[in-house]
Amino acid sequence: MKKFIIFLLIVLAGIQFIPVERSNPPIKQEMPMPNNLKEVLVRACYDCHSNSTEWKWYSKVAPVSFLISYDVKEGREHLNFTEWDYHSMKEDKIKEEIWEEVLKERMPPWSYRIFNPKGKLSDEDKRIIREWSLSR
């Protein structure tokens, strides 16, 4: 058992040297939105869905760093509030999808809310998102 623990510690120390992508590309164009909505989205969504990710200390510690980097990459590919170039018809569809994810409590994901309690959406936050999603 002692040899296994030593081996595990060596592996954990070694993986700290594996490079992980933690960048924030330049902001191209932010999605137009009311200020009250922006406050909610910045707090609960921007770490994964923008080029303004706040890379917290634990995002630099493997193996958690691998997971966070992957989540941010996937989040940005799916929806990026700071690379907004959608036409109004597509924007309406995206608004509906955002509300659906929030309503079904898939976003923000539970794993994000554990480490970022401010990311948990209140009823008021959900109301703001819902009203915005219905606006045309």
N, C-alpha and C. Protein backbone atom coordinates (compact mmCIF):
# COMPACT_ATOMS: atom_id res chain seq x y z
N MET A 1 0.83 -1.20 0.00
CA MET A 1 0.00 0.00 0.00
C MET A 1 0.87 1.27 0.00
N LYS A 2 1.95 1.22 0.75
CA LYS A 2 2.84 2.37 0.82
C LYS A 2 3.45 2.69 -0.55
N LYS A 3 3.83 1.64 -1.29
CA LYS A 3 4.39 1.84 -2.63
C LYS A 3 3.36 2.44 -3.58
N PHE A 4 2.13 2.01 -3.44
CA PHE A 4 1.06 2.55 -4.29
C PHE A 4 0.85 4.04 -4.02
N ILE A 5 0.85 4.43 -2.76
CA ILE A 5 0.66 5.85 -2.40
C ILE A 5 1.82 6.68 -2.93
N ILE A 6 3.04 6.18 -2.80
CA ILE A 6 4.21 6.90 -3.33
C ILE A 6 4.10 7.03 -4.84
N PHE A 7 3.73 5.93 -5.51
CA PHE A 7 3.54 5.96 -6.96
C PHE A 7 2.48 7.00 -7.35
N LEU A 8 1.36 7.00 -6.63
CA LEU A 8 0.27 7.94 -6.90
C LEU A 8 0.73 9.38 -6.73
N LEU A 9 1.48 9.65 -5.70
CA LEU A 9 2.00 11.01 -5.46
C LEU A 9 2.96 11.44 -6.57
N ILE A 10 3.77 10.52 -7.04
CA ILE A 10 4.70 10.83 -8.14
C ILE A 10 3.91 11.13 -9.42
N VAL A 11 2.89 10.33 -9.69
CA VAL A 11 2.06 10.57 -10.87
C VAL A 11 1.36 11.92 -10.76
N LEU A 12 0.76 12.21 -9.61
CA LEU A 12 0.07 13.50 -9.42
C LEU A 12 1.03 14.67 -9.57
N ALA A 13 2.25 14.54 -9.04
CA ALA A 13 3.24 15.60 -9.21
C ALA A 13 3.65 15.73 -10.67
N GLY A 14 3.82 14.59 -11.34
CA GLY A 14 4.25 14.61 -12.73
C GLY A 14 3.24 15.24 -13.68
N ILE A 15 1.96 14.97 -13.45
CA ILE A 15 0.96 15.52 -14.38
C ILE A 15 0.80 17.02 -14.24
N GLN A 16 1.37 17.60 -13.21
CA GLN A 16 1.31 19.06 -13.07
C GLN A 16 2.09 19.75 -14.19
N PHE A 17 3.00 19.03 -14.82
CA PHE A 17 3.85 19.61 -15.87
C PHE A 17 3.25 19.45 -17.27
N ILE A 18 2.11 18.81 -17.37
CA ILE A 18 1.45 18.68 -18.67
C ILE A 18 0.77 20.01 -18.97
N PRO A 19 1.12 20.64 -20.11
CA PRO A 19 0.53 21.96 -20.41
C PRO A 19 -0.97 21.86 -20.69
N VAL A 20 -1.68 22.88 -20.20
CA VAL A 20 -3.13 22.96 -20.37
C VAL A 20 -3.46 24.34 -20.93
N GLU A 21 -4.34 24.37 -21.92
CA GLU A 21 -4.76 25.64 -22.54
C GLU A 21 -5.62 26.44 -21.56
N ARG A 22 -5.14 27.62 -21.20
CA ARG A 22 -5.89 28.53 -20.34
C ARG A 22 -5.75 29.95 -20.90
N SER A 23 -6.35 30.16 -22.03
CA SER A 23 -6.20 31.47 -22.67
C SER A 23 -7.54 32.19 -22.72
N ASN A 24 -7.44 33.47 -22.96
CA ASN A 24 -8.62 34.30 -23.22
C ASN A 24 -8.36 35.06 -24.51
N PRO A 25 -8.86 34.50 -25.63
CA PRO A 25 -8.67 35.21 -26.90
C PRO A 25 -9.32 36.60 -26.84
N PRO A 26 -8.94 37.47 -27.75
CA PRO A 26 -9.55 38.81 -27.77
C PRO A 26 -11.07 38.72 -27.96
N ILE A 27 -11.75 39.67 -27.35
CA ILE A 27 -13.21 39.76 -27.51
C ILE A 27 -13.48 40.38 -28.87
N LYS A 28 -14.25 39.67 -29.68
CA LYS A 28 -14.56 40.16 -31.02
C LYS A 28 -15.78 41.07 -30.99
N GLN A 29 -16.89 40.54 -30.51
CA GLN A 29 -18.12 41.32 -30.43
C GLN A 29 -19.01 40.67 -29.38
N GLU A 30 -19.38 41.47 -28.38
CA GLU A 30 -20.25 40.92 -27.34
C GLU A 30 -21.70 40.92 -27.80
N MET A 31 -22.40 39.94 -27.30
CA MET A 31 -23.83 39.85 -27.59
C MET A 31 -24.52 41.08 -26.99
N PRO A 32 -25.37 41.75 -27.76
CA PRO A 32 -26.11 42.87 -27.19
C PRO A 32 -27.13 42.35 -26.16
N MET A 33 -27.15 42.98 -24.99
CA MET A 33 -28.06 42.53 -23.93
C MET A 33 -28.25 43.64 -22.91
N PRO A 34 -29.36 43.60 -22.20
CA PRO A 34 -29.58 44.58 -21.14
C PRO A 34 -28.58 44.36 -20.00
N ASN A 35 -28.31 45.42 -19.24
CA ASN A 35 -27.33 45.35 -18.16
C ASN A 35 -27.67 44.32 -17.09
N ASN A 36 -28.96 44.21 -16.73
CA ASN A 36 -29.32 43.25 -15.69
C ASN A 36 -29.06 41.81 -16.15
N LEU A 37 -29.27 41.53 -17.42
CA LEU A 37 -28.99 40.21 -17.96
C LEU A 37 -27.47 39.97 -18.01
N LYS A 38 -26.74 40.98 -18.42
CA LYS A 38 -25.28 40.83 -18.51
C LYS A 38 -24.70 40.48 -17.14
N GLU A 39 -25.20 41.10 -16.09
CA GLU A 39 -24.70 40.81 -14.74
C GLU A 39 -24.90 39.33 -14.41
N VAL A 40 -26.05 38.80 -14.76
CA VAL A 40 -26.35 37.39 -14.50
C VAL A 40 -25.44 36.49 -15.33
N LEU A 41 -25.33 36.77 -16.62
CA LEU A 41 -24.54 35.92 -17.51
C LEU A 41 -23.05 35.97 -17.18
N VAL A 42 -22.54 37.13 -16.83
CA VAL A 42 -21.13 37.23 -16.46
C VAL A 42 -20.87 36.38 -15.22
N ARG A 43 -21.74 36.46 -14.26
CA ARG A 43 -21.57 35.73 -13.00
C ARG A 43 -21.72 34.22 -13.18
N ALA A 44 -22.66 33.79 -14.02
CA ALA A 44 -23.01 32.36 -14.08
C ALA A 44 -22.58 31.64 -15.36
N CYS A 45 -22.25 32.38 -16.41
CA CYS A 45 -22.03 31.73 -17.71
C CYS A 45 -20.69 32.07 -18.38
N TYR A 46 -20.19 33.26 -18.15
CA TYR A 46 -19.04 33.75 -18.92
C TYR A 46 -17.77 32.94 -18.72
N ASP A 47 -17.60 32.26 -17.59
CA ASP A 47 -16.36 31.49 -17.41
C ASP A 47 -16.21 30.40 -18.47
N CYS A 48 -17.31 29.87 -18.97
CA CYS A 48 -17.23 28.82 -20.00
C CYS A 48 -17.70 29.31 -21.37
N HIS A 49 -18.51 30.36 -21.42
CA HIS A 49 -19.13 30.78 -22.67
C HIS A 49 -18.69 32.18 -23.10
N SER A 50 -17.42 32.50 -22.87
CA SER A 50 -16.90 33.79 -23.34
C SER A 50 -15.39 33.71 -23.44
N ASN A 51 -14.82 34.77 -23.96
CA ASN A 51 -13.36 34.89 -23.99
C ASN A 51 -12.87 35.68 -22.78
N SER A 52 -13.69 35.73 -21.73
CA SER A 52 -13.37 36.44 -20.50
C SER A 52 -13.36 35.49 -19.30
N THR A 53 -12.84 34.30 -19.51
CA THR A 53 -12.82 33.29 -18.45
C THR A 53 -11.94 33.76 -17.30
N GLU A 54 -12.46 33.60 -16.10
CA GLU A 54 -11.66 33.86 -14.90
C GLU A 54 -11.05 32.52 -14.49
N TRP A 55 -9.77 32.36 -14.76
CA TRP A 55 -9.08 31.10 -14.47
C TRP A 55 -8.70 31.09 -13.00
N LYS A 56 -9.48 30.42 -12.19
CA LYS A 56 -9.25 30.37 -10.75
C LYS A 56 -8.06 29.47 -10.43
N TRP A 57 -7.58 29.53 -9.20
CA TRP A 57 -6.37 28.79 -8.81
C TRP A 57 -6.47 27.30 -9.10
N TYR A 58 -7.63 26.71 -8.87
CA TYR A 58 -7.76 25.26 -9.06
C TYR A 58 -7.76 24.87 -10.54
N SER A 59 -7.89 25.85 -11.43
CA SER A 59 -7.80 25.54 -12.86
C SER A 59 -6.35 25.33 -13.30
N LYS A 60 -5.44 25.49 -12.35
CA LYS A 60 -4.02 25.30 -12.63
C LYS A 60 -3.48 24.02 -11.99
N VAL A 61 -4.38 23.26 -11.35
CA VAL A 61 -3.95 22.04 -10.65
C VAL A 61 -4.55 20.82 -11.34
N ALA A 62 -3.66 19.97 -11.87
CA ALA A 62 -4.11 18.73 -12.52
C ALA A 62 -4.57 17.74 -11.45
N PRO A 63 -5.54 16.95 -11.74
CA PRO A 63 -6.25 16.70 -13.00
C PRO A 63 -7.45 17.63 -13.22
N VAL A 64 -7.78 18.46 -12.23
CA VAL A 64 -8.92 19.38 -12.38
C VAL A 64 -8.70 20.32 -13.55
N SER A 65 -7.46 20.74 -13.77
CA SER A 65 -7.15 21.66 -14.87
C SER A 65 -7.55 21.08 -16.22
N PHE A 66 -7.38 19.77 -16.39
CA PHE A 66 -7.76 19.13 -17.65
C PHE A 66 -9.26 19.25 -17.88
N LEU A 67 -10.03 19.00 -16.85
CA LEU A 67 -11.49 19.05 -16.96
C LEU A 67 -11.99 20.46 -17.23
N ILE A 68 -11.45 21.43 -16.51
CA ILE A 68 -11.89 22.81 -16.69
C ILE A 68 -11.52 23.32 -18.07
N SER A 69 -10.31 23.05 -18.52
CA SER A 69 -9.89 23.48 -19.84
C SER A 69 -10.80 22.88 -20.92
N TYR A 70 -11.13 21.61 -20.77
CA TYR A 70 -12.02 20.94 -21.72
C TYR A 70 -13.42 21.58 -21.70
N ASP A 71 -13.95 21.82 -20.50
CA ASP A 71 -15.28 22.42 -20.38
C ASP A 71 -15.33 23.81 -21.03
N VAL A 72 -14.29 24.61 -20.81
CA VAL A 72 -14.25 25.95 -21.40
C VAL A 72 -14.18 25.86 -22.92
N LYS A 73 -13.33 24.97 -23.42
CA LYS A 73 -13.21 24.79 -24.88
C LYS A 73 -14.56 24.40 -25.47
N GLU A 74 -15.22 23.42 -24.88
CA GLU A 74 -16.53 22.97 -25.37
C GLU A 74 -17.58 24.08 -25.23
N GLY A 75 -17.58 24.77 -24.11
CA GLY A 75 -18.54 25.85 -23.89
C GLY A 75 -18.40 26.96 -24.92
N ARG A 76 -17.17 27.36 -25.19
CA ARG A 76 -16.92 28.41 -26.18
C ARG A 76 -17.33 27.97 -27.57
N GLU A 77 -17.10 26.70 -27.90
CA GLU A 77 -17.48 26.21 -29.23
C GLU A 77 -18.99 26.18 -29.40
N HIS A 78 -19.69 25.84 -28.35
CA HIS A 78 -21.16 25.74 -28.44
C HIS A 78 -21.82 27.12 -28.43
N LEU A 79 -21.35 28.00 -27.56
CA LEU A 79 -21.94 29.34 -27.43
C LEU A 79 -20.90 30.26 -26.82
N ASN A 80 -20.60 31.35 -27.51
CA ASN A 80 -19.62 32.31 -27.00
C ASN A 80 -20.24 33.70 -27.06
N PHE A 81 -20.50 34.25 -25.88
CA PHE A 81 -21.14 35.56 -25.79
C PHE A 81 -20.22 36.69 -26.25
N THR A 82 -18.93 36.44 -26.42
CA THR A 82 -18.00 37.49 -26.83
C THR A 82 -17.50 37.32 -28.27
N GLU A 83 -18.12 36.40 -28.99
CA GLU A 83 -17.87 36.26 -30.43
C GLU A 83 -19.23 36.17 -31.11
N TRP A 84 -20.02 37.19 -30.91
CA TRP A 84 -21.41 37.19 -31.33
C TRP A 84 -21.55 37.74 -32.73
N ASP A 85 -21.95 36.89 -33.66
CA ASP A 85 -22.15 37.34 -35.04
C ASP A 85 -23.37 36.67 -35.66
N TYR A 86 -24.41 36.51 -34.86
CA TYR A 86 -25.60 35.82 -35.32
C TYR A 86 -26.63 36.80 -35.87
N HIS A 87 -27.39 36.33 -36.85
CA HIS A 87 -28.49 37.12 -37.38
C HIS A 87 -29.69 36.96 -36.45
N SER A 88 -30.66 37.84 -36.56
CA SER A 88 -31.76 37.87 -35.61
C SER A 88 -32.55 36.56 -35.52
N MET A 89 -32.75 35.86 -36.63
CA MET A 89 -33.50 34.60 -36.57
C MET A 89 -32.73 33.56 -35.75
N LYS A 90 -31.44 33.45 -35.97
CA LYS A 90 -30.63 32.51 -35.22
C LYS A 90 -30.53 32.96 -33.76
N GLU A 91 -30.46 34.25 -33.55
CA GLU A 91 -30.39 34.79 -32.18
C GLU A 91 -31.63 34.40 -31.39
N ASP A 92 -32.80 34.47 -32.01
CA ASP A 92 -34.04 34.06 -31.33
C ASP A 92 -33.99 32.59 -30.94
N LYS A 93 -33.48 31.75 -31.81
CA LYS A 93 -33.35 30.32 -31.51
C LYS A 93 -32.37 30.09 -30.36
N ILE A 94 -31.27 30.82 -30.36
CA ILE A 94 -30.28 30.70 -29.29
C ILE A 94 -30.88 31.13 -27.95
N LYS A 95 -31.65 32.21 -27.97
CA LYS A 95 -32.32 32.66 -26.74
C LYS A 95 -33.23 31.56 -26.19
N GLU A 96 -33.97 30.92 -27.07
CA GLU A 96 -34.86 29.83 -26.64
C GLU A 96 -34.05 28.68 -26.04
N GLU A 97 -32.95 28.33 -26.69
CA GLU A 97 -32.11 27.23 -26.20
C GLU A 97 -31.49 27.57 -24.84
N ILE A 98 -31.07 28.80 -24.67
CA ILE A 98 -30.50 29.21 -23.39
C ILE A 98 -31.55 29.06 -22.29
N TRP A 99 -32.76 29.56 -22.55
CA TRP A 99 -33.81 29.45 -21.55
C TRP A 99 -34.13 27.98 -21.25
N GLU A 100 -34.17 27.15 -22.25
CA GLU A 100 -34.46 25.73 -22.05
C GLU A 100 -33.39 25.08 -21.16
N GLU A 101 -32.13 25.40 -21.40
CA GLU A 101 -31.05 24.85 -20.58
C GLU A 101 -31.16 25.31 -19.12
N VAL A 102 -31.52 26.57 -18.94
CA VAL A 102 -31.68 27.11 -17.59
C VAL A 102 -32.90 26.50 -16.91
N LEU A 103 -34.00 26.42 -17.64
CA LEU A 103 -35.24 25.87 -17.09
C LEU A 103 -35.05 24.43 -16.63
N LYS A 104 -34.34 23.64 -17.41
CA LYS A 104 -34.11 22.23 -17.07
C LYS A 104 -32.92 22.06 -16.12
N GLU A 105 -32.36 23.19 -15.69
CA GLU A 105 -31.25 23.23 -14.74
C GLU A 105 -30.01 22.46 -15.21
N ARG A 106 -29.80 22.48 -16.53
CA ARG A 106 -28.57 21.89 -17.09
C ARG A 106 -27.45 22.92 -17.14
N MET A 107 -27.85 24.19 -17.10
CA MET A 107 -26.87 25.28 -17.11
C MET A 107 -27.22 26.26 -16.01
N PRO A 108 -26.23 26.78 -15.31
CA PRO A 108 -24.87 26.27 -15.29
C PRO A 108 -24.83 24.88 -14.67
N PRO A 109 -23.88 24.05 -15.11
CA PRO A 109 -23.83 22.67 -14.62
C PRO A 109 -23.50 22.60 -13.13
N TRP A 110 -23.93 21.53 -12.49
CA TRP A 110 -23.71 21.37 -11.05
C TRP A 110 -22.23 21.42 -10.70
N SER A 111 -21.37 20.89 -11.58
CA SER A 111 -19.93 20.88 -11.30
C SER A 111 -19.37 22.31 -11.22
N TYR A 112 -19.94 23.22 -11.99
CA TYR A 112 -19.52 24.63 -11.94
C TYR A 112 -20.03 25.28 -10.66
N ARG A 113 -21.28 24.98 -10.31
CA ARG A 113 -21.88 25.59 -9.13
C ARG A 113 -21.20 25.16 -7.83
N ILE A 114 -20.62 23.97 -7.80
CA ILE A 114 -19.92 23.50 -6.59
C ILE A 114 -18.76 24.44 -6.26
N PHE A 115 -17.95 24.76 -7.25
CA PHE A 115 -16.78 25.60 -7.03
C PHE A 115 -17.07 27.09 -7.17
N ASN A 116 -18.22 27.43 -7.71
CA ASN A 116 -18.61 28.83 -7.94
C ASN A 116 -20.03 29.06 -7.44
N PRO A 117 -20.22 29.16 -6.14
CA PRO A 117 -21.57 29.31 -5.60
C PRO A 117 -22.33 30.52 -6.18
N LYS A 118 -21.58 31.56 -6.61
CA LYS A 118 -22.24 32.72 -7.21
C LYS A 118 -22.88 32.37 -8.55
N GLY A 119 -22.46 31.24 -9.13
CA GLY A 119 -23.00 30.81 -10.41
C GLY A 119 -24.39 30.22 -10.31
N LYS A 120 -24.84 29.91 -9.12
CA LYS A 120 -26.19 29.37 -8.95
C LYS A 120 -27.20 30.45 -9.27
N LEU A 121 -28.15 30.11 -10.11
CA LEU A 121 -29.15 31.09 -10.54
C LEU A 121 -30.30 31.17 -9.54
N SER A 122 -30.61 32.38 -9.14
CA SER A 122 -31.76 32.61 -8.26
C SER A 122 -33.03 32.63 -9.11
N ASP A 123 -34.16 32.65 -8.45
CA ASP A 123 -35.43 32.78 -9.18
C ASP A 123 -35.47 34.09 -9.96
N GLU A 124 -34.93 35.14 -9.38
CA GLU A 124 -34.88 36.43 -10.07
C GLU A 124 -33.99 36.36 -11.30
N ASP A 125 -32.85 35.70 -11.18
CA ASP A 125 -31.95 35.51 -12.34
C ASP A 125 -32.69 34.78 -13.45
N LYS A 126 -33.41 33.73 -13.09
CA LYS A 126 -34.14 32.94 -14.08
C LYS A 126 -35.24 33.77 -14.73
N ARG A 127 -35.89 34.61 -13.94
CA ARG A 127 -36.93 35.49 -14.50
C ARG A 127 -36.33 36.43 -15.54
N ILE A 128 -35.17 36.99 -15.22
CA ILE A 128 -34.49 37.91 -16.15
C ILE A 128 -34.14 37.18 -17.46
N ILE A 129 -33.61 35.98 -17.35
CA ILE A 129 -33.25 35.20 -18.53
C ILE A 129 -34.50 34.85 -19.33
N ARG A 130 -35.54 34.44 -18.64
CA ARG A 130 -36.78 34.06 -19.33
C ARG A 130 -37.38 35.24 -20.08
N GLU A 131 -37.49 36.40 -19.44
CA GLU A 131 -38.06 37.58 -20.11
C GLU A 131 -37.23 37.96 -21.32
N TRP A 132 -35.91 37.91 -21.20
CA TRP A 132 -35.04 38.23 -22.32
C TRP A 132 -35.23 37.23 -23.45
N SER A 133 -35.35 35.95 -23.10
CA SER A 133 -35.49 34.91 -24.12
C SER A 133 -36.79 35.06 -24.91
N LEU A 134 -37.79 35.63 -24.29
CA LEU A 134 -39.08 35.83 -24.97
C LEU A 134 -39.14 37.11 -25.77
N SER A 135 -38.20 38.03 -25.52
CA SER A 135 -38.21 39.31 -26.24
C SER A 135 -37.75 39.09 -27.67
N ARG A 136 -38.36 39.79 -28.57
CA ARG A 136 -38.00 39.67 -29.99
C ARG A 136 -37.69 41.02 -30.55
